[in-house]
Amino acid sequence: MARIEVTCATKDQPVHSCEPADVKLACEGANDAIYFLNAQGFNTANRVLIVVAHQLPAAGTATAGGLYLDSPDGCHGDRAQAVHLLSYSEFKKFKNWFHIPIEDALYRSLAAHEVAHAISDCNFKFARPTIQAKEYMAYVTMFATMAPAVRARILRKSPGHGYEGDWQMSTLIYMADPMRFGVQAYRHFLKPDNGRRYLHAILAGKVMVE
């Protein structure tokens, strides 16, 4: 099936998709990320192109449902940054994500995760942020905007108390188990001394640097 282009109802986010039914979920996830990060004081003006296809670009991994390739040139002007999502039908072939069966709400969260990468990329105030800094932003956004019942199921499947500080959030820790990293990073974000303040500390390069 040929790709179609649809523009999301808010923020004029363009979506290229070979599956029209996937566009609604992709737009909802994008809007979730935009609204959350805007509320955290991020600049969300950059345009993000969402490309939905049956296969990710070569830079993606066999276990990834989405992909954002760093593109600082898209932070300014009319050029849009691109995030790539597997079509929902291909994503469902993974059967489980974060240890629960894949459903519509998880696909929406996948879109939120990747769009959060694109937005936060334009908000870092220093060059070359670490992988864990970028992933913290995306996972926090994803879990904060996830359907509450779905989030609760994931948290029950991955018990823990959240990281104590950035010394526990290294590149090695992230690479060893990205999903566990995401869950524990979200729990870290929820702690009283963290939240929005910690997000801006990451953007300024005050924490989570190597």
N, C-alpha and C. Protein backbone atom coordinates (compact mmCIF):
# COMPACT_ATOMS: atom_id res chain seq x y z
N MET A 1 0.85 -1.20 0.00
CA MET A 1 0.00 0.00 0.00
C MET A 1 0.88 1.25 0.00
N ALA A 2 0.54 2.22 -0.83
CA ALA A 2 1.32 3.45 -0.90
C ALA A 2 1.10 4.28 0.36
N ARG A 3 2.10 5.09 0.70
CA ARG A 3 1.98 5.96 1.86
C ARG A 3 1.05 7.12 1.57
N ILE A 4 0.33 7.51 2.58
CA ILE A 4 -0.48 8.72 2.51
C ILE A 4 0.09 9.72 3.50
N GLU A 5 -0.22 10.99 3.32
CA GLU A 5 0.20 12.00 4.28
C GLU A 5 -1.03 12.59 4.93
N VAL A 6 -1.02 12.60 6.25
CA VAL A 6 -2.11 13.17 7.04
C VAL A 6 -1.49 14.14 8.03
N THR A 7 -2.16 15.25 8.30
CA THR A 7 -1.68 16.21 9.28
C THR A 7 -2.52 16.08 10.54
N CYS A 8 -1.85 15.92 11.69
CA CYS A 8 -2.57 15.80 12.96
C CYS A 8 -3.35 17.08 13.22
N ALA A 9 -4.43 16.94 13.94
CA ALA A 9 -5.34 18.08 14.15
C ALA A 9 -4.70 19.20 14.96
N THR A 10 -3.78 18.87 15.83
CA THR A 10 -3.11 19.90 16.63
C THR A 10 -1.63 19.92 16.31
N LYS A 11 -1.02 21.09 16.42
CA LYS A 11 0.42 21.31 16.21
C LYS A 11 0.88 21.03 14.79
N ASP A 12 -0.05 20.72 13.88
CA ASP A 12 0.31 20.50 12.47
C ASP A 12 1.43 19.48 12.30
N GLN A 13 1.34 18.38 13.04
CA GLN A 13 2.35 17.32 12.90
C GLN A 13 2.00 16.47 11.68
N PRO A 14 2.85 16.42 10.65
CA PRO A 14 2.55 15.56 9.50
C PRO A 14 2.87 14.10 9.81
N VAL A 15 2.04 13.21 9.28
CA VAL A 15 2.25 11.77 9.43
C VAL A 15 2.23 11.15 8.04
N HIS A 16 3.27 10.40 7.72
CA HIS A 16 3.30 9.61 6.50
C HIS A 16 3.06 8.16 6.91
N SER A 17 2.06 7.54 6.38
CA SER A 17 1.71 6.19 6.81
C SER A 17 1.22 5.34 5.67
N CYS A 18 1.62 4.07 5.69
CA CYS A 18 1.08 3.11 4.74
C CYS A 18 -0.17 2.44 5.31
N GLU A 19 -0.49 2.75 6.54
CA GLU A 19 -1.67 2.20 7.21
C GLU A 19 -2.49 3.34 7.80
N PRO A 20 -3.53 3.79 7.11
CA PRO A 20 -4.33 4.92 7.60
C PRO A 20 -4.85 4.74 9.02
N ALA A 21 -5.14 3.51 9.41
CA ALA A 21 -5.69 3.28 10.75
C ALA A 21 -4.68 3.60 11.85
N ASP A 22 -3.39 3.61 11.50
CA ASP A 22 -2.36 3.88 12.50
C ASP A 22 -2.20 5.37 12.79
N VAL A 23 -2.68 6.21 11.89
CA VAL A 23 -2.45 7.65 12.00
C VAL A 23 -3.06 8.21 13.28
N LYS A 24 -4.26 7.79 13.61
CA LYS A 24 -4.94 8.33 14.80
C LYS A 24 -4.11 8.09 16.05
N LEU A 25 -3.63 6.87 16.24
CA LEU A 25 -2.83 6.57 17.42
C LEU A 25 -1.51 7.33 17.41
N ALA A 26 -0.89 7.45 16.24
CA ALA A 26 0.37 8.18 16.15
C ALA A 26 0.17 9.65 16.50
N CYS A 27 -0.91 10.24 16.02
CA CYS A 27 -1.21 11.65 16.33
C CYS A 27 -1.51 11.83 17.81
N GLU A 28 -2.26 10.90 18.38
CA GLU A 28 -2.57 11.01 19.80
C GLU A 28 -1.31 10.92 20.65
N GLY A 29 -0.41 10.01 20.30
CA GLY A 29 0.84 9.90 21.03
C GLY A 29 1.70 11.13 20.89
N ALA A 30 1.75 11.67 19.68
CA ALA A 30 2.52 12.90 19.45
C ALA A 30 1.97 14.05 20.29
N ASN A 31 0.66 14.18 20.29
CA ASN A 31 0.03 15.26 21.06
C ASN A 31 0.27 15.07 22.57
N ASP A 32 0.23 13.82 23.03
CA ASP A 32 0.52 13.55 24.44
C ASP A 32 1.90 14.09 24.82
N ALA A 33 2.89 13.77 23.98
CA ALA A 33 4.27 14.20 24.26
C ALA A 33 4.39 15.72 24.23
N ILE A 34 3.77 16.34 23.25
CA ILE A 34 3.85 17.79 23.11
C ILE A 34 3.23 18.50 24.32
N TYR A 35 2.05 18.06 24.71
CA TYR A 35 1.37 18.71 25.84
C TYR A 35 2.15 18.53 27.14
N PHE A 36 2.66 17.32 27.36
CA PHE A 36 3.41 17.07 28.59
C PHE A 36 4.68 17.91 28.64
N LEU A 37 5.46 17.89 27.58
CA LEU A 37 6.73 18.61 27.59
C LEU A 37 6.52 20.12 27.61
N ASN A 38 5.47 20.59 26.96
CA ASN A 38 5.15 22.01 27.04
C ASN A 38 4.84 22.41 28.48
N ALA A 39 4.12 21.55 29.19
CA ALA A 39 3.79 21.83 30.59
C ALA A 39 5.03 21.80 31.48
N GLN A 40 6.07 21.10 31.04
CA GLN A 40 7.32 21.06 31.80
C GLN A 40 8.25 22.21 31.45
N GLY A 41 7.80 23.12 30.59
CA GLY A 41 8.61 24.28 30.24
C GLY A 41 9.53 24.09 29.06
N PHE A 42 9.29 23.05 28.25
CA PHE A 42 10.09 22.82 27.05
C PHE A 42 9.57 23.68 25.90
N ASN A 43 10.45 24.02 24.99
CA ASN A 43 10.04 24.64 23.74
C ASN A 43 9.58 23.52 22.80
N THR A 44 8.32 23.54 22.41
CA THR A 44 7.77 22.47 21.58
C THR A 44 7.43 22.96 20.18
N ALA A 45 8.11 24.01 19.73
CA ALA A 45 7.76 24.63 18.45
C ALA A 45 8.26 23.85 17.25
N ASN A 46 9.29 23.01 17.42
CA ASN A 46 9.85 22.32 16.26
C ASN A 46 8.84 21.33 15.67
N ARG A 47 8.83 21.24 14.34
CA ARG A 47 7.93 20.32 13.65
C ARG A 47 8.54 18.93 13.62
N VAL A 48 7.69 17.94 13.81
CA VAL A 48 8.14 16.55 13.82
C VAL A 48 7.33 15.77 12.80
N LEU A 49 8.01 15.18 11.84
CA LEU A 49 7.39 14.31 10.85
C LEU A 49 7.38 12.89 11.40
N ILE A 50 6.23 12.25 11.39
CA ILE A 50 6.11 10.86 11.84
C ILE A 50 5.96 9.97 10.60
N VAL A 51 6.86 9.02 10.45
CA VAL A 51 6.82 8.10 9.32
C VAL A 51 6.46 6.72 9.84
N VAL A 52 5.32 6.21 9.40
CA VAL A 52 4.86 4.88 9.80
C VAL A 52 5.08 3.92 8.63
N ALA A 53 5.78 2.83 8.88
CA ALA A 53 6.09 1.89 7.80
C ALA A 53 6.18 0.48 8.36
N HIS A 54 6.25 -0.49 7.48
CA HIS A 54 6.34 -1.88 7.91
C HIS A 54 7.75 -2.27 8.33
N GLN A 55 8.70 -1.37 8.11
CA GLN A 55 10.09 -1.65 8.48
C GLN A 55 10.77 -0.35 8.86
N LEU A 56 11.61 -0.39 9.88
CA LEU A 56 12.36 0.80 10.28
C LEU A 56 13.58 0.98 9.39
N PRO A 57 14.15 2.19 9.35
CA PRO A 57 15.39 2.38 8.61
C PRO A 57 16.48 1.46 9.14
N ALA A 58 17.55 1.34 8.36
CA ALA A 58 18.61 0.38 8.68
C ALA A 58 19.22 0.63 10.05
N ALA A 59 19.16 1.87 10.54
CA ALA A 59 19.77 2.18 11.84
C ALA A 59 19.00 1.59 13.01
N GLY A 60 17.77 1.14 12.77
CA GLY A 60 16.97 0.56 13.83
C GLY A 60 17.42 -0.85 14.18
N THR A 61 17.00 -1.36 15.33
CA THR A 61 17.34 -2.72 15.73
C THR A 61 16.13 -3.63 15.51
N ALA A 62 16.39 -4.91 15.54
CA ALA A 62 15.32 -5.88 15.29
C ALA A 62 14.26 -5.88 16.38
N THR A 63 14.60 -5.36 17.56
CA THR A 63 13.65 -5.35 18.67
C THR A 63 13.02 -3.98 18.91
N ALA A 64 13.32 -3.02 18.06
CA ALA A 64 12.79 -1.65 18.25
C ALA A 64 11.46 -1.48 17.54
N GLY A 65 10.54 -0.77 18.20
CA GLY A 65 9.27 -0.45 17.57
C GLY A 65 9.26 0.93 16.95
N GLY A 66 10.25 1.73 17.29
CA GLY A 66 10.35 3.09 16.76
C GLY A 66 11.78 3.55 16.77
N LEU A 67 12.01 4.70 16.13
CA LEU A 67 13.37 5.20 15.97
C LEU A 67 13.36 6.69 15.73
N TYR A 68 14.24 7.40 16.44
CA TYR A 68 14.48 8.80 16.14
C TYR A 68 15.97 8.97 15.88
N LEU A 69 16.31 9.55 14.76
CA LEU A 69 17.71 9.81 14.42
C LEU A 69 18.01 11.27 14.70
N ASP A 70 19.00 11.52 15.53
CA ASP A 70 19.34 12.89 15.92
C ASP A 70 19.43 13.79 14.69
N SER A 71 18.73 14.92 14.75
CA SER A 71 18.72 15.84 13.62
C SER A 71 18.60 17.27 14.11
N PRO A 72 19.68 17.83 14.67
CA PRO A 72 19.60 19.20 15.20
C PRO A 72 19.23 20.24 14.14
N ASP A 73 19.45 19.92 12.87
CA ASP A 73 19.09 20.87 11.80
C ASP A 73 17.57 21.09 11.77
N GLY A 74 16.82 20.12 12.26
CA GLY A 74 15.37 20.25 12.25
C GLY A 74 14.82 21.08 13.39
N CYS A 75 15.70 21.58 14.24
CA CYS A 75 15.25 22.39 15.38
C CYS A 75 14.93 23.82 14.97
N HIS A 76 15.32 24.20 13.78
CA HIS A 76 15.12 25.57 13.34
C HIS A 76 14.57 25.58 11.92
N GLY A 77 13.77 26.54 11.63
CA GLY A 77 13.26 26.69 10.27
C GLY A 77 12.13 25.75 9.96
N ASP A 78 11.89 25.53 8.67
CA ASP A 78 10.73 24.75 8.22
C ASP A 78 11.01 23.25 8.13
N ARG A 79 12.27 22.87 8.22
CA ARG A 79 12.60 21.46 8.08
C ARG A 79 12.13 20.69 9.32
N ALA A 80 11.43 19.60 9.09
CA ALA A 80 10.90 18.80 10.20
C ALA A 80 11.88 17.70 10.58
N GLN A 81 11.91 17.39 11.86
CA GLN A 81 12.64 16.21 12.30
C GLN A 81 11.77 14.99 12.04
N ALA A 82 12.39 13.84 11.82
CA ALA A 82 11.63 12.64 11.48
C ALA A 82 11.77 11.58 12.56
N VAL A 83 10.63 11.06 12.99
CA VAL A 83 10.64 9.86 13.82
C VAL A 83 9.98 8.75 13.01
N HIS A 84 10.43 7.54 13.25
CA HIS A 84 9.95 6.39 12.49
C HIS A 84 9.27 5.41 13.43
N LEU A 85 8.10 4.94 13.05
CA LEU A 85 7.37 3.95 13.82
C LEU A 85 7.06 2.75 12.93
N LEU A 86 7.16 1.56 13.49
CA LEU A 86 6.62 0.41 12.80
C LEU A 86 5.11 0.57 12.70
N SER A 87 4.52 0.03 11.67
CA SER A 87 3.06 -0.01 11.62
C SER A 87 2.55 -0.82 12.81
N TYR A 88 1.32 -0.56 13.21
CA TYR A 88 0.77 -1.26 14.37
C TYR A 88 0.75 -2.77 14.13
N SER A 89 0.45 -3.18 12.92
CA SER A 89 0.40 -4.62 12.63
C SER A 89 1.76 -5.27 12.82
N GLU A 90 2.84 -4.56 12.46
CA GLU A 90 4.19 -5.09 12.66
C GLU A 90 4.59 -5.02 14.13
N PHE A 91 4.23 -3.95 14.80
CA PHE A 91 4.53 -3.80 16.22
C PHE A 91 3.88 -4.93 17.03
N LYS A 92 2.65 -5.31 16.67
CA LYS A 92 1.94 -6.36 17.40
C LYS A 92 2.62 -7.72 17.28
N LYS A 93 3.47 -7.89 16.28
CA LYS A 93 4.17 -9.17 16.13
C LYS A 93 5.16 -9.41 17.27
N PHE A 94 5.53 -8.33 18.00
CA PHE A 94 6.37 -8.51 19.18
C PHE A 94 5.61 -9.21 20.30
N LYS A 95 4.29 -9.20 20.20
CA LYS A 95 3.37 -9.82 21.17
C LYS A 95 3.35 -9.09 22.52
N ASN A 96 4.51 -8.84 23.12
CA ASN A 96 4.58 -8.17 24.41
C ASN A 96 5.54 -6.99 24.34
N TRP A 97 5.26 -5.98 25.13
CA TRP A 97 6.15 -4.83 25.28
C TRP A 97 6.08 -4.43 26.74
N PHE A 98 7.22 -4.26 27.38
CA PHE A 98 7.26 -4.02 28.82
C PHE A 98 6.51 -5.12 29.58
N HIS A 99 6.60 -6.34 29.04
CA HIS A 99 6.08 -7.53 29.71
C HIS A 99 4.56 -7.60 29.78
N ILE A 100 3.87 -6.83 28.97
CA ILE A 100 2.41 -6.96 28.89
C ILE A 100 2.02 -7.06 27.42
N PRO A 101 0.87 -7.66 27.11
CA PRO A 101 0.44 -7.80 25.71
C PRO A 101 0.25 -6.44 25.04
N ILE A 102 0.65 -6.37 23.80
CA ILE A 102 0.55 -5.11 23.05
C ILE A 102 -0.90 -4.80 22.72
N GLU A 103 -1.29 -3.55 22.92
CA GLU A 103 -2.62 -3.06 22.59
C GLU A 103 -2.48 -1.64 22.06
N ASP A 104 -3.61 -1.05 21.66
CA ASP A 104 -3.60 0.29 21.07
C ASP A 104 -2.88 1.31 21.96
N ALA A 105 -3.15 1.25 23.26
CA ALA A 105 -2.59 2.24 24.18
C ALA A 105 -1.07 2.20 24.18
N LEU A 106 -0.48 1.02 23.99
CA LEU A 106 0.98 0.92 23.97
C LEU A 106 1.55 1.51 22.68
N TYR A 107 0.82 1.35 21.59
CA TYR A 107 1.29 1.95 20.33
C TYR A 107 1.27 3.48 20.43
N ARG A 108 0.24 4.00 21.05
CA ARG A 108 0.17 5.44 21.28
C ARG A 108 1.35 5.90 22.14
N SER A 109 1.71 5.10 23.14
CA SER A 109 2.84 5.44 24.00
C SER A 109 4.16 5.34 23.25
N LEU A 110 4.27 4.39 22.33
CA LEU A 110 5.46 4.30 21.50
C LEU A 110 5.66 5.59 20.70
N ALA A 111 4.57 6.10 20.15
CA ALA A 111 4.65 7.37 19.41
C ALA A 111 5.07 8.51 20.32
N ALA A 112 4.53 8.55 21.53
CA ALA A 112 4.89 9.60 22.49
C ALA A 112 6.38 9.54 22.81
N HIS A 113 6.90 8.34 22.98
CA HIS A 113 8.32 8.15 23.29
C HIS A 113 9.20 8.75 22.20
N GLU A 114 8.91 8.40 20.95
CA GLU A 114 9.78 8.86 19.87
C GLU A 114 9.64 10.36 19.61
N VAL A 115 8.44 10.89 19.71
CA VAL A 115 8.26 12.33 19.53
C VAL A 115 8.95 13.10 20.67
N ALA A 116 8.93 12.53 21.87
CA ALA A 116 9.63 13.16 23.00
C ALA A 116 11.13 13.26 22.71
N HIS A 117 11.69 12.25 22.05
CA HIS A 117 13.10 12.33 21.64
C HIS A 117 13.34 13.54 20.75
N ALA A 118 12.47 13.71 19.76
CA ALA A 118 12.65 14.80 18.80
C ALA A 118 12.52 16.17 19.46
N ILE A 119 11.58 16.31 20.38
CA ILE A 119 11.37 17.59 21.04
C ILE A 119 12.50 17.89 22.02
N SER A 120 12.86 16.92 22.84
CA SER A 120 13.91 17.17 23.82
C SER A 120 15.25 17.43 23.14
N ASP A 121 15.47 16.83 21.98
CA ASP A 121 16.71 17.06 21.24
C ASP A 121 16.91 18.54 20.94
N CYS A 122 15.82 19.27 20.77
CA CYS A 122 15.90 20.70 20.46
C CYS A 122 15.95 21.56 21.72
N ASN A 123 15.94 20.93 22.88
CA ASN A 123 15.95 21.68 24.13
C ASN A 123 17.24 21.53 24.93
N PHE A 124 18.09 20.57 24.54
CA PHE A 124 19.37 20.44 25.22
C PHE A 124 20.20 21.70 25.00
N LYS A 125 20.85 22.15 26.05
CA LYS A 125 21.63 23.39 26.00
C LYS A 125 23.13 23.13 25.83
N PHE A 126 23.48 21.91 25.50
CA PHE A 126 24.89 21.56 25.29
C PHE A 126 24.96 20.47 24.23
N ALA A 127 26.14 20.30 23.67
CA ALA A 127 26.31 19.33 22.59
C ALA A 127 26.50 17.92 23.15
N ARG A 128 26.06 16.95 22.39
CA ARG A 128 26.28 15.54 22.66
C ARG A 128 25.81 15.07 24.04
N PRO A 129 24.54 15.19 24.34
CA PRO A 129 24.02 14.60 25.58
C PRO A 129 24.17 13.08 25.55
N THR A 130 24.23 12.48 26.71
CA THR A 130 24.41 11.03 26.80
C THR A 130 23.15 10.29 26.38
N ILE A 131 23.34 9.02 26.06
CA ILE A 131 22.19 8.18 25.70
C ILE A 131 21.18 8.15 26.83
N GLN A 132 21.67 7.98 28.06
CA GLN A 132 20.74 7.87 29.18
C GLN A 132 19.99 9.17 29.43
N ALA A 133 20.62 10.31 29.15
CA ALA A 133 19.92 11.60 29.29
C ALA A 133 18.76 11.68 28.29
N LYS A 134 19.02 11.28 27.06
CA LYS A 134 17.97 11.32 26.04
C LYS A 134 16.85 10.33 26.35
N GLU A 135 17.24 9.14 26.79
CA GLU A 135 16.23 8.13 27.07
C GLU A 135 15.42 8.46 28.32
N TYR A 136 16.02 9.10 29.29
CA TYR A 136 15.27 9.52 30.48
C TYR A 136 14.12 10.43 30.04
N MET A 137 14.41 11.39 29.19
CA MET A 137 13.37 12.30 28.70
C MET A 137 12.24 11.54 28.02
N ALA A 138 12.61 10.62 27.14
CA ALA A 138 11.60 9.91 26.36
C ALA A 138 10.77 8.96 27.21
N TYR A 139 11.42 8.26 28.13
CA TYR A 139 10.67 7.32 28.97
C TYR A 139 9.79 8.04 29.98
N VAL A 140 10.28 9.11 30.56
CA VAL A 140 9.44 9.87 31.49
C VAL A 140 8.20 10.39 30.78
N THR A 141 8.39 10.95 29.60
CA THR A 141 7.25 11.44 28.82
C THR A 141 6.27 10.30 28.51
N MET A 142 6.82 9.18 28.09
CA MET A 142 5.97 8.05 27.72
C MET A 142 5.13 7.56 28.90
N PHE A 143 5.76 7.37 30.05
CA PHE A 143 5.01 6.86 31.21
C PHE A 143 4.08 7.90 31.81
N ALA A 144 4.51 9.16 31.79
CA ALA A 144 3.66 10.22 32.35
C ALA A 144 2.37 10.39 31.55
N THR A 145 2.41 10.08 30.26
CA THR A 145 1.24 10.28 29.40
C THR A 145 0.51 8.97 29.09
N MET A 146 0.98 7.88 29.61
CA MET A 146 0.39 6.57 29.33
C MET A 146 -0.97 6.43 30.01
N ALA A 147 -1.85 5.65 29.43
CA ALA A 147 -3.14 5.35 30.07
C ALA A 147 -2.86 4.79 31.46
N PRO A 148 -3.48 5.35 32.50
CA PRO A 148 -3.14 4.95 33.88
C PRO A 148 -3.23 3.46 34.15
N ALA A 149 -4.25 2.79 33.63
CA ALA A 149 -4.40 1.36 33.88
C ALA A 149 -3.26 0.57 33.25
N VAL A 150 -2.85 0.98 32.06
CA VAL A 150 -1.75 0.30 31.37
C VAL A 150 -0.44 0.54 32.12
N ARG A 151 -0.22 1.77 32.53
CA ARG A 151 1.00 2.10 33.29
C ARG A 151 1.06 1.29 34.58
N ALA A 152 -0.06 1.17 35.27
CA ALA A 152 -0.09 0.41 36.53
C ALA A 152 0.28 -1.04 36.29
N ARG A 153 -0.18 -1.62 35.19
CA ARG A 153 0.15 -3.01 34.89
C ARG A 153 1.64 -3.17 34.65
N ILE A 154 2.24 -2.23 33.94
CA ILE A 154 3.68 -2.30 33.67
C ILE A 154 4.48 -2.15 34.95
N LEU A 155 4.08 -1.22 35.80
CA LEU A 155 4.81 -1.01 37.04
C LEU A 155 4.72 -2.23 37.96
N ARG A 156 3.58 -2.91 37.94
CA ARG A 156 3.46 -4.13 38.74
C ARG A 156 4.39 -5.23 38.21
N LYS A 157 4.56 -5.27 36.89
CA LYS A 157 5.42 -6.28 36.28
C LYS A 157 6.91 -5.99 36.53
N SER A 158 7.24 -4.75 36.83
CA SER A 158 8.64 -4.34 37.02
C SER A 158 8.78 -3.61 38.35
N PRO A 159 8.79 -4.35 39.46
CA PRO A 159 8.86 -3.70 40.77
C PRO A 159 10.18 -2.97 40.99
N GLY A 160 10.17 -2.04 41.91
CA GLY A 160 11.37 -1.29 42.24
C GLY A 160 11.01 0.04 42.87
N HIS A 161 12.03 0.76 43.31
CA HIS A 161 11.81 2.03 43.99
C HIS A 161 12.36 3.22 43.20
N GLY A 162 12.85 2.97 41.99
CA GLY A 162 13.41 4.06 41.20
C GLY A 162 14.85 4.32 41.56
N TYR A 163 15.58 4.91 40.63
CA TYR A 163 16.99 5.21 40.88
C TYR A 163 17.12 6.26 41.97
N GLU A 164 18.23 6.18 42.68
CA GLU A 164 18.50 7.17 43.73
C GLU A 164 19.13 8.44 43.17
N GLY A 165 19.85 8.32 42.08
CA GLY A 165 20.49 9.49 41.49
C GLY A 165 21.12 9.15 40.15
N ASP A 166 21.72 10.14 39.51
CA ASP A 166 22.23 9.91 38.16
C ASP A 166 23.41 8.96 38.12
N TRP A 167 24.08 8.73 39.26
CA TRP A 167 25.18 7.77 39.28
C TRP A 167 24.71 6.35 39.01
N GLN A 168 23.40 6.12 39.15
CA GLN A 168 22.83 4.81 38.85
C GLN A 168 22.25 4.75 37.44
N MET A 169 22.39 5.81 36.67
CA MET A 169 21.79 5.85 35.33
C MET A 169 22.88 6.06 34.29
N SER A 170 23.75 5.09 34.16
CA SER A 170 24.85 5.16 33.22
C SER A 170 24.44 4.59 31.87
N THR A 171 25.28 4.80 30.87
CA THR A 171 25.04 4.21 29.56
C THR A 171 24.99 2.69 29.67
N LEU A 172 25.88 2.12 30.47
CA LEU A 172 25.93 0.67 30.63
C LEU A 172 24.63 0.14 31.22
N ILE A 173 24.10 0.83 32.24
CA ILE A 173 22.85 0.41 32.86
C ILE A 173 21.71 0.46 31.84
N TYR A 174 21.66 1.51 31.06
CA TYR A 174 20.62 1.62 30.04
C TYR A 174 20.74 0.50 29.01
N MET A 175 21.95 0.28 28.49
CA MET A 175 22.14 -0.71 27.44
C MET A 175 21.86 -2.12 27.93
N ALA A 176 22.10 -2.38 29.21
CA ALA A 176 21.90 -3.72 29.75
C ALA A 176 20.42 -4.11 29.74
N ASP A 177 19.54 -3.15 29.99
CA ASP A 177 18.09 -3.45 30.03
C ASP A 177 17.32 -2.15 29.85
N PRO A 178 17.10 -1.73 28.60
CA PRO A 178 16.43 -0.45 28.34
C PRO A 178 15.05 -0.34 28.97
N MET A 179 14.29 -1.42 29.00
CA MET A 179 12.94 -1.33 29.55
C MET A 179 12.97 -1.13 31.07
N ARG A 180 13.84 -1.85 31.74
CA ARG A 180 13.98 -1.65 33.18
C ARG A 180 14.45 -0.23 33.46
N PHE A 181 15.39 0.25 32.64
CA PHE A 181 15.86 1.62 32.80
C PHE A 181 14.68 2.59 32.73
N GLY A 182 13.81 2.40 31.75
CA GLY A 182 12.68 3.30 31.56
C GLY A 182 11.76 3.33 32.75
N VAL A 183 11.44 2.16 33.30
CA VAL A 183 10.53 2.07 34.44
C VAL A 183 11.15 2.74 35.67
N GLN A 184 12.41 2.43 35.94
CA GLN A 184 13.05 2.98 37.14
C GLN A 184 13.34 4.48 36.98
N ALA A 185 13.57 4.92 35.76
CA ALA A 185 13.75 6.36 35.51
C ALA A 185 12.45 7.11 35.81
N TYR A 186 11.32 6.54 35.40
CA TYR A 186 10.04 7.18 35.68
C TYR A 186 9.79 7.26 37.18
N ARG A 187 10.10 6.19 37.89
CA ARG A 187 9.94 6.23 39.35
C ARG A 187 10.86 7.28 39.97
N HIS A 188 12.05 7.43 39.42
CA HIS A 188 12.97 8.47 39.90
C HIS A 188 12.35 9.85 39.68
N PHE A 189 11.77 10.06 38.51
CA PHE A 189 11.14 11.34 38.17
C PHE A 189 10.04 11.70 39.17
N LEU A 190 9.31 10.70 39.65
CA LEU A 190 8.18 10.95 40.55
C LEU A 190 8.60 11.37 41.95
N LYS A 191 9.85 11.17 42.31
CA LYS A 191 10.28 11.51 43.67
C LYS A 191 10.22 13.02 43.86
N PRO A 192 9.87 13.46 45.09
CA PRO A 192 9.59 14.89 45.34
C PRO A 192 10.68 15.87 44.91
N ASP A 193 11.94 15.48 45.01
CA ASP A 193 13.02 16.41 44.69
C ASP A 193 13.38 16.42 43.20
N ASN A 194 12.69 15.64 42.40
CA ASN A 194 13.07 15.51 40.99
C ASN A 194 12.06 16.21 40.08
N GLY A 195 11.24 15.46 39.35
CA GLY A 195 10.22 16.08 38.51
C GLY A 195 10.78 17.07 37.50
N ARG A 196 10.06 18.16 37.32
CA ARG A 196 10.43 19.18 36.34
C ARG A 196 11.84 19.72 36.57
N ARG A 197 12.21 19.92 37.83
CA ARG A 197 13.53 20.45 38.14
C ARG A 197 14.62 19.56 37.58
N TYR A 198 14.42 18.25 37.70
CA TYR A 198 15.45 17.32 37.22
C TYR A 198 15.52 17.31 35.70
N LEU A 199 14.38 17.42 35.03
CA LEU A 199 14.39 17.48 33.57
C LEU A 199 15.24 18.66 33.09
N HIS A 200 15.10 19.80 33.74
CA HIS A 200 15.85 20.97 33.31
C HIS A 200 17.33 20.89 33.71
N ALA A 201 17.61 20.16 34.77
CA ALA A 201 19.01 19.91 35.12
C ALA A 201 19.68 19.05 34.05
N ILE A 202 18.94 18.09 33.50
CA ILE A 202 19.47 17.27 32.40
C ILE A 202 19.71 18.14 31.18
N LEU A 203 18.74 18.99 30.84
CA LEU A 203 18.88 19.84 29.66
C LEU A 203 20.09 20.76 29.76
N ALA A 204 20.40 21.19 30.97
CA ALA A 204 21.51 22.12 31.19
C ALA A 204 22.86 21.40 31.31
N GLY A 205 22.85 20.07 31.32
CA GLY A 205 24.10 19.33 31.45
C GLY A 205 24.63 19.28 32.87
N LYS A 206 23.75 19.47 33.85
CA LYS A 206 24.18 19.45 35.25
C LYS A 206 24.18 18.04 35.84
N VAL A 207 23.43 17.15 35.24
CA VAL A 207 23.36 15.76 35.69
C VAL A 207 23.38 14.86 34.47
N MET A 208 23.63 13.59 34.72
CA MET A 208 23.61 12.55 33.68
C MET A 208 24.55 12.84 32.51
N VAL A 209 25.76 13.25 32.84
CA VAL A 209 26.79 13.48 31.83
C VAL A 209 27.95 12.53 32.10
N GLU A 210 28.76 12.29 31.09
CA GLU A 210 29.91 11.40 31.26
C GLU A 210 31.15 12.06 30.68
